[in-house]
Protein backbone atom coordinates (compact mmCIF):
# COMPACT_ATOMS: atom_id res chain seq x y z
CA MET A 1 -9.08 24.53 1.96
CA ARG A 2 -7.04 22.25 -0.29
CA THR A 3 -6.83 18.59 0.78
CA LEU A 4 -4.89 15.54 -0.39
CA LYS A 5 -5.74 14.51 -3.94
CA GLN A 6 -8.15 11.58 -4.17
CA ILE A 7 -6.88 8.83 -6.48
CA ARG A 8 -9.76 6.42 -5.76
CA GLU A 9 -13.43 6.71 -4.96
CA PRO A 10 -14.48 6.17 -1.32
CA ARG A 11 -15.67 2.72 -0.28
CA GLU A 12 -18.52 1.84 2.02
CA ILE A 13 -17.49 2.22 5.66
CA LEU A 14 -18.02 -1.12 7.41
CA PRO A 15 -17.53 -2.40 10.96
CA ILE A 16 -14.18 -4.17 11.39
CA SER A 17 -15.56 -7.74 11.26
CA VAL A 18 -17.73 -7.03 8.22
CA MET A 19 -14.73 -5.44 6.48
CA PHE A 20 -12.60 -8.48 7.26
CA GLU A 21 -15.30 -10.90 6.06
CA ARG A 22 -15.46 -8.96 2.77
CA THR A 23 -11.70 -9.33 2.32
CA VAL A 24 -11.81 -13.08 3.05
CA LYS A 25 -14.53 -13.47 0.40
CA ASN A 26 -12.55 -11.48 -2.20
CA HIS A 27 -9.04 -12.82 -1.41
CA PRO A 28 -9.35 -16.14 0.49
CA ASN A 29 -5.94 -17.48 -0.63
CA SER A 30 -3.94 -14.27 -0.34
CA ILE A 31 -1.40 -14.17 2.52
CA ALA A 32 -2.84 -12.13 5.36
CA VAL A 33 -0.02 -12.40 7.93
CA GLN A 34 3.55 -13.63 7.83
CA ILE A 35 6.52 -13.61 10.17
CA LEU A 36 10.08 -14.86 9.67
CA SER A 37 11.21 -17.76 11.84
CA PRO A 38 14.50 -19.74 12.00
CA SER A 39 12.93 -22.28 9.61
CA GLY A 40 11.62 -19.64 7.17
CA TRP A 41 8.38 -17.76 6.73
CA LYS A 42 5.30 -18.69 8.72
CA LYS A 43 2.28 -17.63 6.68
CA TRP A 44 -1.49 -17.56 7.09
CA THR A 45 -3.96 -16.95 4.28
CA TYR A 46 -7.10 -14.90 4.87
CA GLU A 47 -9.16 -18.07 4.98
CA GLU A 48 -6.81 -19.67 7.53
CA LEU A 49 -6.85 -16.49 9.60
CA LEU A 50 -10.66 -16.55 9.69
CA ASN A 51 -10.60 -20.15 10.97
CA LEU A 52 -8.27 -19.13 13.78
CA ILE A 53 -10.45 -16.14 14.61
CA ILE A 54 -13.53 -18.39 14.92
CA ARG A 55 -11.58 -20.77 17.16
CA ARG A 56 -10.59 -17.91 19.45
CA ALA A 57 -14.16 -16.56 19.35
CA ASN A 58 -15.31 -19.98 20.58
CA GLN A 59 -12.93 -19.67 23.50
CA MET A 60 -14.30 -16.21 24.35
CA LYS A 61 -17.91 -17.40 24.15
CA SER A 62 -17.09 -20.27 26.50
CA ARG A 63 -15.75 -17.65 28.95
CA GLY A 64 -18.99 -15.71 28.81
CA ILE A 65 -17.76 -12.84 26.64
CA LYS A 66 -20.65 -11.11 24.91
CA LYS A 67 -21.38 -7.99 22.89
CA SER A 68 -19.93 -4.74 24.34
CA ASP A 69 -17.74 -6.58 26.88
CA ARG A 70 -14.20 -5.22 27.14
CA VAL A 71 -11.37 -7.64 26.43
CA ALA A 72 -7.73 -6.59 26.92
CA LEU A 73 -4.61 -7.53 24.95
CA TYR A 74 -1.11 -7.44 26.44
CA GLY A 75 1.76 -8.60 24.29
CA ALA A 76 4.19 -7.85 21.50
CA ASN A 77 3.18 -7.90 17.84
CA SER A 78 2.40 -11.46 16.77
CA PRO A 79 -0.07 -13.49 14.69
CA GLU A 80 -1.73 -14.40 18.02
CA TRP A 81 -2.26 -10.72 18.81
CA ILE A 82 -3.90 -10.13 15.42
CA VAL A 83 -6.15 -13.19 15.73
CA THR A 84 -7.28 -12.18 19.22
CA TYR A 85 -7.97 -8.56 18.25
CA LEU A 86 -10.17 -9.66 15.36
CA ALA A 87 -11.90 -12.38 17.41
CA ILE A 88 -12.93 -9.80 20.01
CA HIS A 89 -14.71 -7.86 17.27
CA TRP A 90 -16.17 -11.07 15.83
CA VAL A 91 -18.09 -11.61 19.09
CA GLY A 92 -18.98 -7.91 19.31
CA GLY A 93 -16.59 -7.02 22.11
CA ILE A 94 -14.49 -3.91 22.64
CA THR A 95 -10.72 -4.36 22.36
CA VAL A 96 -8.47 -2.78 24.99
CA PRO A 97 -4.90 -3.04 23.59
CA LEU A 98 -2.30 -2.38 26.29
CA ASP A 99 1.32 -1.35 26.01
CA ASN A 100 3.32 -4.54 26.58
CA ARG A 101 6.03 -2.53 28.38
CA LEU A 102 3.67 -1.61 31.21
CA SER A 103 4.30 -3.13 34.63
CA PHE A 104 1.78 -5.66 35.97
CA ARG A 105 0.68 -3.00 38.47
CA GLU A 106 -0.08 -0.56 35.64
CA VAL A 107 -1.85 -3.29 33.67
CA HIS A 108 -4.00 -4.09 36.69
CA HIS A 109 -5.00 -0.42 37.00
CA LEU A 110 -6.03 -0.15 33.33
CA LEU A 111 -7.96 -3.42 33.47
CA LYS A 112 -9.92 -2.05 36.40
CA ASP A 113 -10.44 1.32 34.72
CA SER A 114 -11.72 -0.25 31.49
CA GLY A 115 -13.74 -2.96 33.23
CA SER A 116 -12.13 -5.65 31.08
CA LYS A 117 -13.53 -9.18 31.58
CA ILE A 118 -10.47 -11.04 30.28
CA LEU A 119 -6.82 -10.25 29.59
CA PHE A 120 -5.16 -12.17 26.76
CA SER A 121 -1.42 -12.06 27.39
CA SER A 122 1.81 -13.46 25.98
CA SER A 123 3.73 -12.45 29.10
CA GLU A 124 5.05 -15.15 31.40
CA GLY A 125 4.14 -14.81 35.03
CA ILE A 126 1.26 -12.42 34.56
CA SER A 127 -1.31 -15.06 35.56
CA ASP A 128 0.19 -15.01 39.08
CA ALA A 129 -0.46 -11.25 39.30
CA ILE A 130 -3.74 -10.98 37.38
CA ASP A 131 -6.34 -13.72 37.77
CA ILE A 132 -8.30 -12.93 34.57
CA SER A 133 -5.22 -13.53 32.39
CA ILE A 134 -5.36 -16.15 29.60
CA PRO A 135 -2.42 -17.20 27.39
CA MET A 136 -2.60 -15.70 23.90
CA GLU A 137 -1.09 -18.69 22.08
CA ILE A 138 -2.90 -20.28 19.15
CA PRO A 139 -2.29 -23.88 17.99
CA GLU A 140 -0.24 -24.57 14.87
CA ARG A 141 -2.98 -26.84 13.49
CA VAL A 142 -6.47 -25.49 13.04
CA LEU A 143 -8.83 -27.89 14.81
CA GLU A 144 -12.53 -28.21 14.05
CA SER A 145 -14.42 -25.33 15.63
CA LYS A 146 -18.07 -24.72 16.26
CA ILE A 147 -19.26 -21.89 14.04
CA VAL A 148 -19.60 -18.63 15.94
CA GLU A 149 -21.89 -16.20 14.21
CA LYS A 150 -20.45 -12.75 13.67
CA ALA A 151 -22.06 -10.22 16.02
CA ASP A 152 -24.14 -7.44 14.50
CA VAL A 153 -22.34 -4.26 15.55
CA PRO A 154 -23.44 -0.75 14.49
CA LEU A 155 -20.74 1.53 13.05
CA ASP A 156 -21.06 4.01 15.90
CA ASP A 157 -20.43 1.35 18.58
CA PRO A 158 -17.04 1.47 20.36
CA ALA A 159 -14.38 -0.71 18.74
CA VAL A 160 -11.37 -0.01 20.95
CA ILE A 161 -10.34 1.81 24.11
CA LEU A 162 -6.79 3.06 23.63
CA TYR A 163 -4.93 4.41 26.62
CA THR A 164 -2.79 7.41 25.78
CA SER A 165 0.91 6.69 26.11
CA GLY A 166 1.51 9.10 28.96
CA THR A 167 3.82 11.91 27.74
CA THR A 168 1.82 14.08 30.14
CA GLY A 169 1.90 11.51 32.91
CA VAL A 170 -1.73 10.42 33.24
CA PRO A 171 -3.14 8.00 30.62
CA LYS A 172 -6.77 8.43 29.52
CA GLY A 173 -8.87 5.89 27.66
CA VAL A 174 -9.70 7.12 24.16
CA VAL A 175 -12.86 5.46 22.83
CA LEU A 176 -12.75 4.94 19.06
CA SER A 177 -15.75 3.58 17.20
CA HIS A 178 -15.75 1.27 14.18
CA LYS A 179 -16.72 4.33 12.13
CA ASN A 180 -13.76 6.32 13.49
CA LEU A 181 -11.16 3.70 12.61
CA MET A 182 -12.58 2.54 9.30
CA SER A 183 -13.20 6.14 8.12
CA ASN A 184 -9.49 6.81 8.62
CA VAL A 185 -8.62 3.58 6.77
CA ASP A 186 -10.81 4.72 3.88
CA MET A 187 -9.13 8.13 3.83
CA LEU A 188 -5.83 6.27 3.38
CA TYR A 189 -7.42 4.15 0.64
CA GLN A 190 -8.67 7.24 -1.22
CA THR A 191 -5.31 9.04 -1.21
CA MET A 192 -2.52 6.42 -1.09
CA GLU A 193 -1.63 3.62 -3.47
CA PHE A 194 -1.77 0.14 -1.94
CA TYR A 195 -3.23 -3.08 -3.33
CA HIS A 196 -3.99 -6.68 -2.42
CA ASP A 197 -1.02 -9.04 -1.97
CA GLU A 198 1.34 -6.11 -1.30
CA PRO A 199 3.45 -6.35 1.90
CA PHE A 200 3.08 -3.80 4.72
CA TYR A 201 5.86 -3.88 7.34
CA ALA A 202 4.51 -3.86 10.91
CA LEU A 203 7.43 -2.73 13.06
CA LEU A 204 5.60 -0.36 15.40
CA PRO A 205 3.56 -1.81 18.30
CA LEU A 206 0.02 -2.62 17.16
CA HIS A 207 -1.46 -1.47 20.45
CA HIS A 208 -0.73 2.06 19.24
CA VAL A 209 -3.30 3.58 16.89
CA PHE A 210 -0.83 4.67 14.18
CA ALA A 211 0.34 1.11 13.59
CA GLN A 212 -3.15 -0.30 14.20
CA THR A 213 -4.70 1.80 11.42
CA VAL A 214 -1.87 2.02 8.88
CA ALA A 215 -0.02 -1.32 9.30
CA PHE A 216 -2.93 -3.56 10.35
CA LEU A 217 -6.47 -2.45 9.44
CA ALA A 218 -5.50 -0.77 6.14
CA PRO A 219 -3.82 -3.88 4.65
CA LEU A 220 -6.61 -6.13 5.98
CA SER A 221 -9.17 -3.92 4.25
CA ILE A 222 -7.79 -4.68 0.80
CA GLY A 223 -6.23 -8.16 1.04
CA ALA A 224 -2.63 -7.05 1.47
CA THR A 225 -0.02 -8.85 3.61
CA ILE A 226 1.03 -7.83 7.12
CA VAL A 227 4.71 -8.63 7.61
CA ILE A 228 5.31 -8.73 11.36
CA ALA A 229 8.74 -7.48 12.42
CA ARG A 230 10.52 -9.81 14.82
CA SER A 231 12.18 -7.03 16.83
CA TYR A 232 13.74 -3.57 16.65
CA LYS A 233 17.20 -5.05 15.99
CA SER A 234 18.64 -3.43 12.88
CA THR A 235 19.96 -6.76 11.54
CA GLU A 236 16.52 -8.38 11.83
CA ILE A 237 14.70 -5.39 10.31
CA LYS A 238 17.14 -5.51 7.41
CA GLU A 239 16.65 -9.27 6.90
CA ASP A 240 12.86 -8.98 7.17
CA CYS A 241 12.82 -6.27 4.50
CA GLN A 242 15.30 -8.05 2.22
CA LYS A 243 13.15 -11.19 2.25
CA SER A 244 9.70 -9.57 2.07
CA GLY A 245 10.27 -6.41 -0.01
CA PRO A 246 7.73 -4.20 1.79
CA VAL A 247 5.85 -1.52 -0.11
CA ILE A 248 4.46 0.44 2.87
CA PHE A 249 6.53 1.08 6.01
CA PRO A 250 4.93 3.12 8.84
CA ILE A 251 7.61 4.29 11.24
CA VAL A 252 8.45 6.80 13.97
CA PRO A 253 11.18 9.49 13.70
CA LEU A 254 13.53 8.01 16.29
CA VAL A 255 13.91 4.81 14.26
CA LEU A 256 14.54 6.89 11.14
CA GLU A 257 17.23 8.83 13.02
CA LYS A 258 18.95 5.53 13.86
CA PHE A 259 18.76 4.56 10.18
CA VAL A 260 20.45 7.80 9.09
CA GLU A 261 23.16 7.48 11.73
CA GLY A 262 23.79 3.84 10.77
CA ILE A 263 23.99 4.59 7.04
CA ASN A 264 26.32 7.53 7.67
CA ARG A 265 28.55 5.32 9.86
CA GLU A 266 28.85 2.77 7.03
CA LEU A 267 29.62 5.49 4.48
CA ASN A 268 32.33 6.94 6.74
CA ARG A 269 34.03 3.53 6.86
CA LEU A 270 34.52 3.41 3.09
CA SER A 271 38.08 3.15 1.76
CA GLY A 272 39.77 6.13 0.09
CA VAL A 273 38.89 5.09 -3.49
CA LYS A 274 35.30 4.29 -2.55
CA LYS A 275 35.03 7.59 -0.70
CA MET A 276 36.11 9.43 -3.85
CA ALA A 277 33.51 7.53 -5.86
CA PHE A 278 30.91 8.28 -3.20
CA GLY A 279 31.87 11.96 -3.24
CA LEU A 280 31.30 12.02 -7.00
CA MET A 281 27.98 10.21 -6.56
CA LYS A 282 26.98 12.71 -3.86
CA GLY A 283 27.81 15.63 -6.13
CA LEU A 284 25.81 14.21 -9.05
CA SER A 285 22.92 13.47 -6.73
CA SER A 286 22.87 17.07 -5.47
CA LEU A 287 22.93 18.32 -9.05
CA PHE A 288 19.95 16.16 -10.04
CA ASN A 289 18.05 17.05 -6.86
CA SER A 290 18.51 20.74 -7.63
CA VAL A 291 16.79 20.17 -10.99
CA LYS A 292 14.00 17.92 -9.68
CA LYS A 293 13.54 17.02 -6.03
CA GLY A 294 14.21 13.31 -5.40
CA SER A 295 15.66 12.59 -8.86
CA GLY A 296 19.17 12.32 -7.42
CA GLY A 297 18.09 9.29 -5.42
CA ARG A 298 18.97 6.99 -8.33
CA PHE A 299 22.63 7.34 -7.35
CA TYR A 300 21.87 5.83 -3.94
CA SER A 301 19.92 2.81 -5.20
CA SER A 302 22.57 0.48 -3.73
CA ILE A 303 21.73 1.78 -0.22
CA ARG A 304 18.03 1.07 -0.71
CA GLU A 305 18.74 -2.39 -2.15
CA ALA A 306 21.09 -3.28 0.72
CA LEU A 307 18.31 -2.45 3.19
CA GLY A 308 15.71 -4.44 1.26
CA MET A 309 13.79 -1.25 0.50
CA GLU A 310 14.01 -1.06 -3.28
CA ASN A 311 10.24 -1.73 -3.51
CA ILE A 312 9.22 0.86 -0.92
CA ARG A 313 6.44 3.15 -2.16
CA TYR A 314 5.91 5.08 1.08
CA ILE A 315 7.81 5.42 4.32
CA VAL A 316 5.19 7.15 6.46
CA SER A 317 6.61 8.91 9.51
CA GLY A 318 4.25 9.71 12.38
CA GLY A 319 3.90 9.67 16.14
CA ALA A 320 6.26 12.64 16.67
CA ALA A 321 7.90 15.48 14.74
CA LEU A 322 10.33 14.36 12.04
CA PRO A 323 13.58 16.38 12.30
CA ARG A 324 14.29 18.13 9.01
CA TRP A 325 17.86 16.80 8.86
CA VAL A 326 16.45 13.26 8.89
CA SER A 327 13.90 13.84 6.13
CA LEU A 328 16.53 15.65 4.03
CA ALA A 329 18.85 12.64 4.28
CA PHE A 330 16.11 10.23 3.18
CA GLU A 331 15.04 12.53 0.35
CA LYS A 332 18.67 12.75 -0.83
CA TRP A 333 18.98 8.96 -0.84
CA GLY A 334 15.79 8.60 -2.85
CA PHE A 335 13.56 7.11 -0.16
CA PRO A 336 9.88 8.10 -0.55
CA ILE A 337 9.59 9.63 2.92
CA LEU A 338 6.28 11.26 3.92
CA GLN A 339 5.75 13.05 7.21
CA GLY A 340 2.20 12.87 8.55
CA TYR A 341 0.33 14.09 11.59
CA GLY A 342 -2.36 12.72 13.84
CA LEU A 343 -3.41 11.79 17.36
CA THR A 344 -4.95 8.81 19.08
CA GLU A 345 -8.17 10.83 19.31
CA THR A 346 -8.33 11.18 15.50
CA SER A 347 -7.84 7.48 14.66
CA PRO A 348 -5.08 8.82 14.00
CA VAL A 349 -4.10 10.43 10.67
CA ILE A 350 -5.16 14.04 10.10
CA SER A 351 -2.70 15.02 7.37
CA VAL A 352 0.19 13.66 5.35
CA ASN A 353 2.54 14.98 2.70
CA PRO A 354 1.41 14.31 -0.88
CA PRO A 355 3.86 11.89 -2.55
CA ASP A 356 4.09 14.05 -5.68
CA ASN A 357 4.88 17.29 -3.83
CA THR A 358 6.41 16.66 -0.42
CA ARG A 359 7.27 19.49 1.95
CA ASN A 360 8.52 17.49 4.89
CA ALA A 361 9.17 20.57 7.00
CA SER A 362 5.38 20.49 7.19
CA VAL A 363 2.99 17.64 8.05
CA GLY A 364 1.31 17.92 4.68
CA LEU A 365 -2.27 18.36 3.53
CA LEU A 366 -5.48 17.31 5.28
CA PHE A 367 -7.19 14.05 4.45
CA PRO A 368 -10.40 14.50 2.43
CA GLY A 369 -13.39 14.36 4.75
CA LEU A 370 -11.65 16.24 7.57
CA GLU A 371 -11.84 19.93 8.44
CA SER A 372 -9.32 21.90 10.45
CA LYS A 373 -8.95 25.43 11.76
CA ILE A 374 -6.45 27.46 13.76
CA SER A 375 -8.01 28.76 16.98
CA ASP A 376 -6.99 32.18 18.33
CA PRO A 377 -4.05 32.70 15.95
CA ASP A 378 -1.34 35.15 16.95
CA ILE A 379 0.26 37.74 14.70
CA ASP A 380 2.20 34.99 12.90
CA GLY A 381 -0.94 32.90 12.31
CA ILE A 382 0.04 30.36 14.97
CA GLY A 383 -2.73 29.00 17.17
CA GLU A 384 -4.20 25.76 18.46
CA ILE A 385 -5.11 23.24 15.79
CA ALA A 386 -8.73 22.07 15.92
CA VAL A 387 -10.21 19.31 13.75
CA ARG A 388 -13.53 17.66 13.08
CA GLY A 389 -14.73 14.81 10.90
CA PRO A 390 -15.76 11.12 10.94
CA SER A 391 -12.46 9.83 12.36
CA VAL A 392 -12.54 12.11 15.43
CA PHE A 393 -13.39 10.34 18.68
CA LYS A 394 -16.45 11.20 20.77
CA GLU A 395 -15.28 10.67 24.35
CA PHE A 396 -12.71 9.55 26.88
CA TRP A 397 -13.70 6.40 28.72
CA ASN A 398 -15.65 7.23 31.91
CA ASN A 399 -14.20 10.75 31.93
CA PRO A 400 -16.81 13.33 30.86
CA GLU A 401 -14.86 16.24 32.38
CA ALA A 402 -11.74 15.48 30.31
CA THR A 403 -13.94 15.02 27.22
CA LYS A 404 -15.58 18.41 27.75
CA GLU A 405 -12.17 20.11 28.08
CA VAL A 406 -11.01 19.05 24.61
CA PHE A 407 -14.14 19.91 22.62
CA ASP A 408 -15.49 23.25 21.43
CA GLY A 409 -18.83 22.17 19.98
CA ASP A 410 -17.89 19.44 17.50
CA TRP A 411 -14.33 20.77 17.08
CA PHE A 412 -11.66 18.67 18.79
CA LYS A 413 -8.90 20.84 20.25
CA THR A 414 -5.70 18.89 19.58
CA GLY A 415 -3.46 20.72 22.06
CA ASP A 416 -0.94 21.21 19.22
CA MET A 417 0.05 24.65 18.00
CA GLY A 418 0.57 25.33 14.32
CA TYR A 419 -0.39 27.19 11.18
CA PHE A 420 -1.35 26.66 7.52
CA ASP A 421 0.69 28.17 4.71
CA SER A 422 -0.85 29.72 1.60
CA ASP A 423 -0.95 26.30 -0.10
CA SER A 424 -2.84 24.65 2.81
CA TYR A 425 0.18 22.72 4.11
CA LEU A 426 0.00 22.34 7.89
CA TYR A 427 3.00 23.16 10.11
CA ILE A 428 3.31 22.12 13.77
CA THR A 429 5.22 24.46 16.07
CA GLY A 430 4.80 22.57 19.36
CA ARG A 431 2.44 21.46 22.09
CA LYS A 432 0.23 24.10 23.67
CA LYS A 433 1.21 22.87 27.14
CA SER A 434 4.91 23.11 26.24
CA VAL A 435 4.83 26.70 25.01
CA ILE A 436 7.18 28.91 27.02
CA VAL A 437 6.20 32.57 27.40
CA THR A 438 9.12 34.87 28.20
CA ARG A 439 8.92 37.92 30.45
CA GLY A 440 8.91 40.00 27.29
CA GLY A 441 5.80 38.18 26.05
CA LYS A 442 7.58 36.10 23.39
CA ASN A 443 6.36 32.55 22.69
CA ILE A 444 9.02 29.84 22.54
CA TYR A 445 8.25 26.39 21.17
CA PRO A 446 10.88 24.05 22.66
CA GLU A 447 10.26 21.38 19.98
CA GLU A 448 11.39 23.85 17.31
CA ILE A 449 14.70 24.43 19.13
CA GLU A 450 15.14 20.70 19.80
CA ASN A 451 14.66 19.86 16.11
CA TYR A 452 17.30 22.41 15.16
CA LEU A 453 19.87 21.39 17.79
CA SER A 454 19.38 17.67 17.19
CA GLY A 455 20.91 18.15 13.75
CA SER A 456 24.31 18.21 15.47
CA PRO A 457 26.06 14.82 15.16
CA LEU A 458 27.28 15.27 18.75
CA ILE A 459 23.73 15.22 20.15
CA GLU A 460 21.81 11.95 20.31
CA GLU A 461 18.71 13.22 22.15
CA ILE A 462 17.71 16.56 23.62
CA VAL A 463 14.95 18.14 25.71
CA VAL A 464 14.71 21.92 26.04
CA ILE A 465 12.88 23.27 29.09
CA HIS A 466 12.41 26.53 30.99
CA GLN A 467 13.89 26.19 34.45
CA THR A 468 15.03 28.43 37.25
CA ASN A 469 18.74 29.13 37.49
CA PRO A 470 19.59 28.45 41.16
CA ASN A 471 22.28 31.15 41.11
CA THR A 472 20.20 34.00 39.68
CA GLY A 473 16.64 32.93 40.51
CA THR A 474 15.53 33.73 36.95
CA LYS A 475 14.09 31.30 34.45
CA GLU A 476 16.14 30.41 31.40
CA LEU A 477 16.32 27.83 28.63
CA ILE A 478 18.17 24.68 29.63
CA ALA A 479 19.05 21.81 27.30
CA HIS A 480 19.10 18.31 28.78
CA ILE A 481 21.34 16.38 26.39
CA TYR A 482 22.09 12.71 25.87
CA PRO A 483 25.33 12.97 23.87
CA ASN A 484 26.32 10.80 20.93
CA TYR A 485 29.44 9.52 22.63
CA GLU A 486 30.68 7.63 19.56
CA ASN A 487 30.64 10.82 17.48
CA ILE A 488 32.28 12.75 20.32
CA ASP A 489 35.13 10.19 20.20
CA HIS A 490 35.48 10.77 16.43
CA TYR A 491 35.42 14.54 17.03
CA CYS A 492 38.26 14.22 19.56
CA GLU A 493 40.32 12.10 17.15
CA GLU A 494 39.86 14.64 14.34
CA HIS A 495 40.74 17.58 16.59
CA LYS A 496 43.54 15.69 18.40
CA ILE A 497 41.92 16.14 21.82
CA GLU A 498 43.71 13.75 24.17
CA GLU A 499 41.49 14.19 27.25
CA PRO A 500 37.87 14.46 26.08
CA ASP A 501 35.55 16.63 28.14
CA PRO A 502 32.02 16.01 26.77
CA HIS A 503 30.57 18.91 28.77
CA LYS A 504 33.04 21.43 27.30
CA ILE A 505 32.71 19.99 23.78
CA LEU A 506 28.92 20.22 23.89
CA SER A 507 28.99 23.66 25.53
CA ASP A 508 31.10 24.88 22.62
CA GLU A 509 28.75 23.17 20.15
CA ILE A 510 25.68 24.81 21.71
CA LYS A 511 27.41 28.22 21.64
CA ARG A 512 28.11 27.71 17.93
CA LEU A 513 24.51 26.69 17.21
CA ASN A 514 23.12 29.50 19.38
CA LYS A 515 24.46 32.05 16.88
CA ASP A 516 21.74 31.04 14.40
CA LEU A 517 18.97 31.42 16.99
CA THR A 518 17.13 34.57 18.02
CA ASP A 519 18.49 35.76 21.36
CA TYR A 520 15.46 34.75 23.44
CA LYS A 521 15.60 31.22 21.94
CA ARG A 522 19.23 30.61 22.88
CA ILE A 523 20.26 27.89 25.33
CA ARG A 524 21.84 29.28 28.49
CA ARG A 525 22.83 26.06 30.29
CA ILE A 526 23.18 22.39 29.48
CA LYS A 527 22.88 19.22 31.53
CA LEU A 528 24.32 15.95 30.24
CA ARG A 529 22.79 12.50 30.67
CA ASP A 530 24.53 9.13 30.69
CA GLU A 531 21.53 7.26 29.29
CA GLU A 532 18.66 7.74 26.87
CA PHE A 533 15.57 9.64 27.96
CA PRO A 534 12.62 7.56 29.19
CA LYS A 535 10.11 7.20 26.37
CA THR A 536 6.67 5.96 25.48
CA THR A 537 6.35 2.92 23.19
CA THR A 538 6.08 5.25 20.20
CA GLU A 539 9.51 6.59 21.18
CA LYS A 540 8.31 10.00 22.36
CA ILE A 541 10.29 11.39 25.27
CA LYS A 542 8.30 11.75 28.48
CA ARG A 543 8.83 15.47 28.67
CA TYR A 544 6.81 15.94 31.87
CA LEU A 545 9.49 14.11 33.86
CA PHE A 546 11.89 17.00 33.19
CA GLU A 547 9.50 19.94 33.28
CA GLU A 548 8.46 19.44 36.90
CA GLU A 549 10.54 21.51 39.30
CA GLY A 550 8.77 20.30 42.41
CA LEU A 551 5.97 21.67 44.54
CA GLU A 552 6.07 23.14 48.02
CA VAL A 553 4.50 20.99 50.75
């Protein structure tokens, strides 16, 4: 099977602390971490970062932390978070990064489940609820510290326990070894261009494996710079990028959707003359794109410059399916957008689109060093995706039964359904647990329908489920919709609708879109929401909250 092209030779796989020590030796004065503050950039070189790590390691040693002890982290992205993560590995501990949006009750449960000895936290008030909590702050000045020798940790030893984000309701602790994580980093190194001193933008939460591998460990492995985003506010993201000029930007689809909507809003506000010029630019761009994909992006260079993204080499989208209408917009504007695929259990990246031949309807080609197969394919070649290789985890924490369920020999069963095309590009059709089987034996993948319907400007978010119609007693496809109320207002202005009825407008829109769907995939009813769907920290909708119809008692 064809895999991503290797542009560099593999490097030696090293435990996290040994990898970091190598980078400090090779690039002591390069900027390791920076974050924008009201007074300007706060920056730490690799040598300064090592000093802070040793200081924190001293603190851990004084608290009795030793090799293989679990130490938890609870806080937003920050230099303190990075220092603490690396210090845990310096003393040979196992890091337990927790979602900083969890309640104290949920944190307490995961601390107990993981057996964590200490919780480093940047949250106020948590010390009153959890007695093993320690503030995560680090001093501005680096004080003299007693040298703490780096622990000798084998590659196969656990590095982190990552609790799944809970789209299915019950989080499990995924144990990833140093070999798992650093193998995936090296797969990135072999196939993607990034170099020392280049800025990576860390917007996504580092407690999640996608950001941890791509925006944290990968840059640290080569002496690049981690630019920590201050928040998800569009104005601050824009300023961060304008002032740092990131080269690599890992991101999730929902944020990209907001980008597209925001850019389109600005373009719609252009004056008549500018709109004419933009229309000409759009036409020329389409012409160039028809000759060579992406070449029309030169006409949109002003958009990229305004966002501070003129230096971007890769925008890597992961964590959830990237709607095709979003990737098409970015491709049209000349952004180097690459959809990838992976799971927490695979450290995480399994595949990504090759930069020189993107097919963003797919999730690209496999990383070298990984193998994949489609289990029990149907007549269309669709089956469960299984994968094996050095970045695949070995077990769930203290949960042998769950571990056994997801392995077939050394093949990890991802729970995702998909297929490979003739050129080895992988396509995801949906989650195995989400597949809807009709009375006629047809398989429906709700994610496929959601991706299609979400292309409507009137729909902000959507979840398609199979529920019983209370009037007929039969099951049918229902769309739970969070409308884009701003666009509905524009729609009413354009169509001179004086008394807007969002339910009727969206019913008509769904009827229109249904015409392009096979009959058994058509939406029969809709339910509107007044607020966004509840999501995980990687912005995936918690589907299980809407699939449950209740149980008899």
